[in-house]
């Protein structure tokens, strides 16, 4: 299954605060967890922490929950629009020296979507779960095939 990823972190290159995986299938459950942020940047304190909507857990608990969430998917595909989101997810998979979360096949896809703006498309901007939903909806809308009978914004396609 494809999952759309978003993460919030404490400033550029900062520690992970929250991470969400939203499946392509809307009826499937999402993964969303939060870590404590003890020394937030002013921007994070103003825009991210107030919208977390979840009690923080430990990094070990987050890794365990992530492993449980992805356990039954034989070949998850993670889609992101920012490299740090992938890096934070990959680091969550490391469980100790020489050990990692089990996964036979896990792929990452990094999309460059210059017109995607989670702050304007998300129902709760800077909440990783809502931002991941907005990202999923945007990508799926871009890749949805045009079918006969749909309205077109292109006036040149209309018959006179």
C-alpha atoms as a PDB file:
ATOM      1  CA  UNK A   1       0.000   0.000   0.000  1.00  0.00           C
ATOM      2  CA  UNK A   2       1.105   3.592  -0.502  1.00  0.00           C
ATOM      3  CA  UNK A   3       1.373   5.862   2.532  1.00  0.00           C
ATOM      4  CA  UNK A   4       1.734   9.623   2.487  1.00  0.00           C
ATOM      5  CA  UNK A   5       4.230  10.934   5.013  1.00  0.00           C
ATOM      6  CA  UNK A   6       4.530  14.178   6.895  1.00  0.00           C
ATOM      7  CA  UNK A   7       6.638  15.074   9.906  1.00  0.00           C
ATOM      8  CA  UNK A   8       7.062  18.111  12.099  1.00  0.00           C
ATOM      9  CA  UNK A   9      10.425  18.844  13.638  1.00  0.00           C
ATOM     10  CA  UNK A  10      11.992  21.521  15.810  1.00  0.00           C
ATOM     11  CA  UNK A  11      13.331  23.975  13.255  1.00  0.00           C
ATOM     12  CA  UNK A  12      15.564  23.282  10.264  1.00  0.00           C
ATOM     13  CA  UNK A  13      17.388  20.005  10.889  1.00  0.00           C
ATOM     14  CA  UNK A  14      15.813  19.767  14.343  1.00  0.00           C
ATOM     15  CA  UNK A  15      14.544  16.873  16.415  1.00  0.00           C
ATOM     16  CA  UNK A  16      11.386  15.023  15.398  1.00  0.00           C
ATOM     17  CA  UNK A  17       8.180  16.242  17.061  1.00  0.00           C
ATOM     18  CA  UNK A  18       5.454  14.343  15.205  1.00  0.00           C
ATOM     19  CA  UNK A  19       5.106  11.941  12.329  1.00  0.00           C
ATOM     20  CA  UNK A  20       2.125  10.738  10.314  1.00  0.00           C
ATOM     21  CA  UNK A  21       1.551   8.103   7.668  1.00  0.00           C
ATOM     22  CA  UNK A  22      -1.774   8.393   5.877  1.00  0.00           C
ATOM     23  CA  UNK A  23      -2.712   5.436   3.669  1.00  0.00           C
ATOM     24  CA  UNK A  24      -3.883   5.894   0.119  1.00  0.00           C
ATOM     25  CA  UNK A  25      -7.153   4.152   0.995  1.00  0.00           C
ATOM     26  CA  UNK A  26      -9.175   6.660   3.015  1.00  0.00           C
ATOM     27  CA  UNK A  27     -11.014   3.958   4.992  1.00  0.00           C
ATOM     28  CA  UNK A  28      -7.735   2.578   6.378  1.00  0.00           C
ATOM     29  CA  UNK A  29      -6.356   3.853   9.674  1.00  0.00           C
ATOM     30  CA  UNK A  30      -3.588   6.441   9.763  1.00  0.00           C
ATOM     31  CA  UNK A  31      -0.470   6.420  11.924  1.00  0.00           C
ATOM     32  CA  UNK A  32       0.132   9.574  13.954  1.00  0.00           C
ATOM     33  CA  UNK A  33       2.324   9.944  17.017  1.00  0.00           C
ATOM     34  CA  UNK A  34       3.987  12.798  18.880  1.00  0.00           C
ATOM     35  CA  UNK A  35       7.269  13.128  20.778  1.00  0.00           C
ATOM     36  CA  UNK A  36       7.971  15.685  23.517  1.00  0.00           C
ATOM     37  CA  UNK A  37       9.666  18.900  22.442  1.00  0.00           C
ATOM     38  CA  UNK A  38      11.361  20.431  25.475  1.00  0.00           C
ATOM     39  CA  UNK A  39      13.109  23.419  23.862  1.00  0.00           C
ATOM     40  CA  UNK A  40      10.986  24.497  20.876  1.00  0.00           C
ATOM     41  CA  UNK A  41      12.025  27.237  18.517  1.00  0.00           C
ATOM     42  CA  UNK A  42       9.709  30.263  18.743  1.00  0.00           C
ATOM     43  CA  UNK A  43       8.042  29.357  15.422  1.00  0.00           C
ATOM     44  CA  UNK A  44       7.431  25.757  16.528  1.00  0.00           C
ATOM     45  CA  UNK A  45       6.078  26.935  19.892  1.00  0.00           C
ATOM     46  CA  UNK A  46       3.604  29.207  18.102  1.00  0.00           C
ATOM     47  CA  UNK A  47       2.558  27.070  15.114  1.00  0.00           C
ATOM     48  CA  UNK A  48       3.237  23.366  15.774  1.00  0.00           C
ATOM     49  CA  UNK A  49       2.878  22.590  19.474  1.00  0.00           C
ATOM     50  CA  UNK A  50      -0.627  24.118  19.812  1.00  0.00           C
ATOM     51  CA  UNK A  51      -2.037  21.848  17.080  1.00  0.00           C
ATOM     52  CA  UNK A  52      -0.481  18.467  17.969  1.00  0.00           C
ATOM     53  CA  UNK A  53      -3.786  17.151  19.400  1.00  0.00           C
ATOM     54  CA  UNK A  54      -2.049  14.156  20.975  1.00  0.00           C
ATOM     55  CA  UNK A  55      -0.119  13.330  24.147  1.00  0.00           C
ATOM     56  CA  UNK A  56       3.619  12.754  23.536  1.00  0.00           C
ATOM     57  CA  UNK A  57       5.077   9.261  23.859  1.00  0.00           C
ATOM     58  CA  UNK A  58       8.693   8.075  23.991  1.00  0.00           C
ATOM     59  CA  UNK A  59      10.756   7.465  20.875  1.00  0.00           C
ATOM     60  CA  UNK A  60      10.875   3.737  21.730  1.00  0.00           C
ATOM     61  CA  UNK A  61       7.075   3.647  21.965  1.00  0.00           C
ATOM     62  CA  UNK A  62       6.806   5.471  18.632  1.00  0.00           C
ATOM     63  CA  UNK A  63       9.117   2.949  16.964  1.00  0.00           C
ATOM     64  CA  UNK A  64       7.137   0.038  18.437  1.00  0.00           C
ATOM     65  CA  UNK A  65       3.829   1.520  17.277  1.00  0.00           C
ATOM     66  CA  UNK A  66       5.258   2.232  13.814  1.00  0.00           C
ATOM     67  CA  UNK A  67       6.460  -1.376  13.509  1.00  0.00           C
ATOM     68  CA  UNK A  68       3.013  -2.606  14.540  1.00  0.00           C
ATOM     69  CA  UNK A  69       1.322  -0.281  12.073  1.00  0.00           C
ATOM     70  CA  UNK A  70       3.393  -1.457   9.094  1.00  0.00           C
ATOM     71  CA  UNK A  71       3.755  -5.109  10.194  1.00  0.00           C
ATOM     72  CA  UNK A  72       1.070  -6.625   7.957  1.00  0.00           C
ATOM     73  CA  UNK A  73       2.004  -4.672   4.823  1.00  0.00           C
ATOM     74  CA  UNK A  74       4.411  -6.763   2.729  1.00  0.00           C
ATOM     75  CA  UNK A  75       5.672  -3.869   0.594  1.00  0.00           C
ATOM     76  CA  UNK A  76       4.780  -0.431   1.951  1.00  0.00           C
ATOM     77  CA  UNK A  77       5.609   2.520  -0.278  1.00  0.00           C
ATOM     78  CA  UNK A  78       6.202   5.794   1.551  1.00  0.00           C
ATOM     79  CA  UNK A  79       5.633   9.005  -0.405  1.00  0.00           C
ATOM     80  CA  UNK A  80       6.938  12.315   0.876  1.00  0.00           C
ATOM     81  CA  UNK A  81       7.524  15.818  -0.387  1.00  0.00           C
ATOM     82  CA  UNK A  82      10.452  16.689   1.877  1.00  0.00           C
ATOM     83  CA  UNK A  83      13.733  14.761   2.437  1.00  0.00           C
ATOM     84  CA  UNK A  84      13.816  15.379   6.211  1.00  0.00           C
ATOM     85  CA  UNK A  85      10.450  13.628   6.573  1.00  0.00           C
ATOM     86  CA  UNK A  86      11.961  10.483   5.031  1.00  0.00           C
ATOM     87  CA  UNK A  87      15.103  10.840   7.157  1.00  0.00           C
ATOM     88  CA  UNK A  88      13.081  11.056  10.385  1.00  0.00           C
ATOM     89  CA  UNK A  89      11.014   7.994   9.441  1.00  0.00           C
ATOM     90  CA  UNK A  90      14.137   6.039   8.493  1.00  0.00           C
ATOM     91  CA  UNK A  91      15.789   6.923  11.814  1.00  0.00           C
ATOM     92  CA  UNK A  92      12.694   5.707  13.669  1.00  0.00           C
ATOM     93  CA  UNK A  93      13.297   2.323  12.059  1.00  0.00           C
ATOM     94  CA  UNK A  94      16.669   1.986  13.834  1.00  0.00           C
ATOM     95  CA  UNK A  95      16.037   0.096  17.049  1.00  0.00           C
ATOM     96  CA  UNK A  96      19.607  -0.278  18.320  1.00  0.00           C
ATOM     97  CA  UNK A  97      23.206  -0.773  17.223  1.00  0.00           C
ATOM     98  CA  UNK A  98      23.008  -3.013  14.168  1.00  0.00           C
ATOM     99  CA  UNK A  99      19.244  -3.521  14.568  1.00  0.00           C
ATOM    100  CA  UNK A 100      16.279  -2.103  12.738  1.00  0.00           C
ATOM    101  CA  UNK A 101      12.552  -2.467  12.509  1.00  0.00           C
ATOM    102  CA  UNK A 102      11.787  -5.534  10.371  1.00  0.00           C
ATOM    103  CA  UNK A 103      10.560  -4.940   6.843  1.00  0.00           C
ATOM    104  CA  UNK A 104      11.135  -7.128   3.800  1.00  0.00           C
ATOM    105  CA  UNK A 105      10.612  -4.364   1.294  1.00  0.00           C
ATOM    106  CA  UNK A 106      10.046  -0.708   2.038  1.00  0.00           C
ATOM    107  CA  UNK A 107      10.326   1.941  -0.638  1.00  0.00           C
ATOM    108  CA  UNK A 108      10.562   5.693  -0.394  1.00  0.00           C
ATOM    109  CA  UNK A 109       9.406   8.102  -3.071  1.00  0.00           C
ATOM    110  CA  UNK A 110      10.298  11.785  -2.871  1.00  0.00           C
ATOM    111  CA  UNK A 111       7.993  14.023  -4.889  1.00  0.00           C
ATOM    112  CA  UNK A 112       8.898  17.545  -5.952  1.00  0.00           C
ATOM    113  CA  UNK A 113       5.568  19.367  -5.919  1.00  0.00           C
ATOM    114  CA  UNK A 114       6.313  23.102  -6.018  1.00  0.00           C
ATOM    115  CA  UNK A 115       2.609  24.015  -6.128  1.00  0.00           C
ATOM    116  CA  UNK A 116       1.662  21.913  -3.095  1.00  0.00           C
ATOM    117  CA  UNK A 117       1.265  24.072   0.013  1.00  0.00           C
ATOM    118  CA  UNK A 118       0.187  22.179   3.111  1.00  0.00           C
ATOM    119  CA  UNK A 119      -0.320  25.419   5.061  1.00  0.00           C
ATOM    120  CA  UNK A 120      -3.140  26.431   2.724  1.00  0.00           C
ATOM    121  CA  UNK A 121      -4.533  22.960   1.913  1.00  0.00           C
ATOM    122  CA  UNK A 122      -4.450  21.317   5.341  1.00  0.00           C
ATOM    123  CA  UNK A 123      -7.491  21.473   7.650  1.00  0.00           C
ATOM    124  CA  UNK A 124      -5.060  21.925  10.571  1.00  0.00           C
ATOM    125  CA  UNK A 125      -1.802  23.378   9.224  1.00  0.00           C
ATOM    126  CA  UNK A 126       1.413  22.126  10.879  1.00  0.00           C
ATOM    127  CA  UNK A 127      -0.315  19.049  12.308  1.00  0.00           C
ATOM    128  CA  UNK A 128       1.531  16.164  10.622  1.00  0.00           C
ATOM    129  CA  UNK A 129      -1.573  14.007  10.274  1.00  0.00           C
ATOM    130  CA  UNK A 130      -3.718  16.687   8.660  1.00  0.00           C
ATOM    131  CA  UNK A 131      -0.802  17.817   6.486  1.00  0.00           C
ATOM    132  CA  UNK A 132      -0.266  14.204   5.320  1.00  0.00           C
ATOM    133  CA  UNK A 133      -3.992  13.963   4.459  1.00  0.00           C
ATOM    134  CA  UNK A 134      -3.736  17.172   2.434  1.00  0.00           C
ATOM    135  CA  UNK A 135      -0.641  15.798   0.698  1.00  0.00           C
ATOM    136  CA  UNK A 136      -2.422  12.524  -0.118  1.00  0.00           C
ATOM    137  CA  UNK A 137      -5.460  14.342  -1.470  1.00  0.00           C
ATOM    138  CA  UNK A 138      -3.275  16.631  -3.598  1.00  0.00           C
ATOM    139  CA  UNK A 139      -1.230  13.782  -5.089  1.00  0.00           C
ATOM    140  CA  UNK A 140      -4.261  11.622  -5.782  1.00  0.00           C
ATOM    141  CA  UNK A 141      -6.080  14.539  -7.423  1.00  0.00           C
ATOM    142  CA  UNK A 142      -3.049  15.138  -9.668  1.00  0.00           C
ATOM    143  CA  UNK A 143      -2.831  11.500 -10.731  1.00  0.00           C
ATOM    144  CA  UNK A 144      -6.560  10.786 -11.054  1.00  0.00           C
ATOM    145  CA  UNK A 145      -7.351   9.989 -14.705  1.00  0.00           C
ATOM    146  CA  UNK A 146      -9.787  12.274 -16.487  1.00  0.00           C
ATOM    147  CA  UNK A 147     -12.912  10.380 -17.459  1.00  0.00           C
ATOM    148  CA  UNK A 148     -15.645  11.149 -19.942  1.00  0.00           C
ATOM    149  CA  UNK A 149     -18.483  13.210 -18.594  1.00  0.00           C
ATOM    150  CA  UNK A 150     -16.350  15.261 -16.202  1.00  0.00           C
ATOM    151  CA  UNK A 151     -16.298  19.010 -16.422  1.00  0.00           C
ATOM    152  CA  UNK A 152     -13.112  20.507 -17.821  1.00  0.00           C
ATOM    153  CA  UNK A 153     -11.562  23.842 -16.951  1.00  0.00           C
ATOM    154  CA  UNK A 154     -10.268  24.069 -20.510  1.00  0.00           C
ATOM    155  CA  UNK A 155     -12.798  26.052 -22.503  1.00  0.00           C
ATOM    156  CA  UNK A 156     -11.183  24.912 -25.759  1.00  0.00           C
ATOM    157  CA  UNK A 157     -12.479  21.386 -25.132  1.00  0.00           C
ATOM    158  CA  UNK A 158     -16.128  22.427 -25.085  1.00  0.00           C
ATOM    159  CA  UNK A 159     -18.303  21.981 -28.163  1.00  0.00           C
ATOM    160  CA  UNK A 160     -20.110  24.926 -29.602  1.00  0.00           C
END
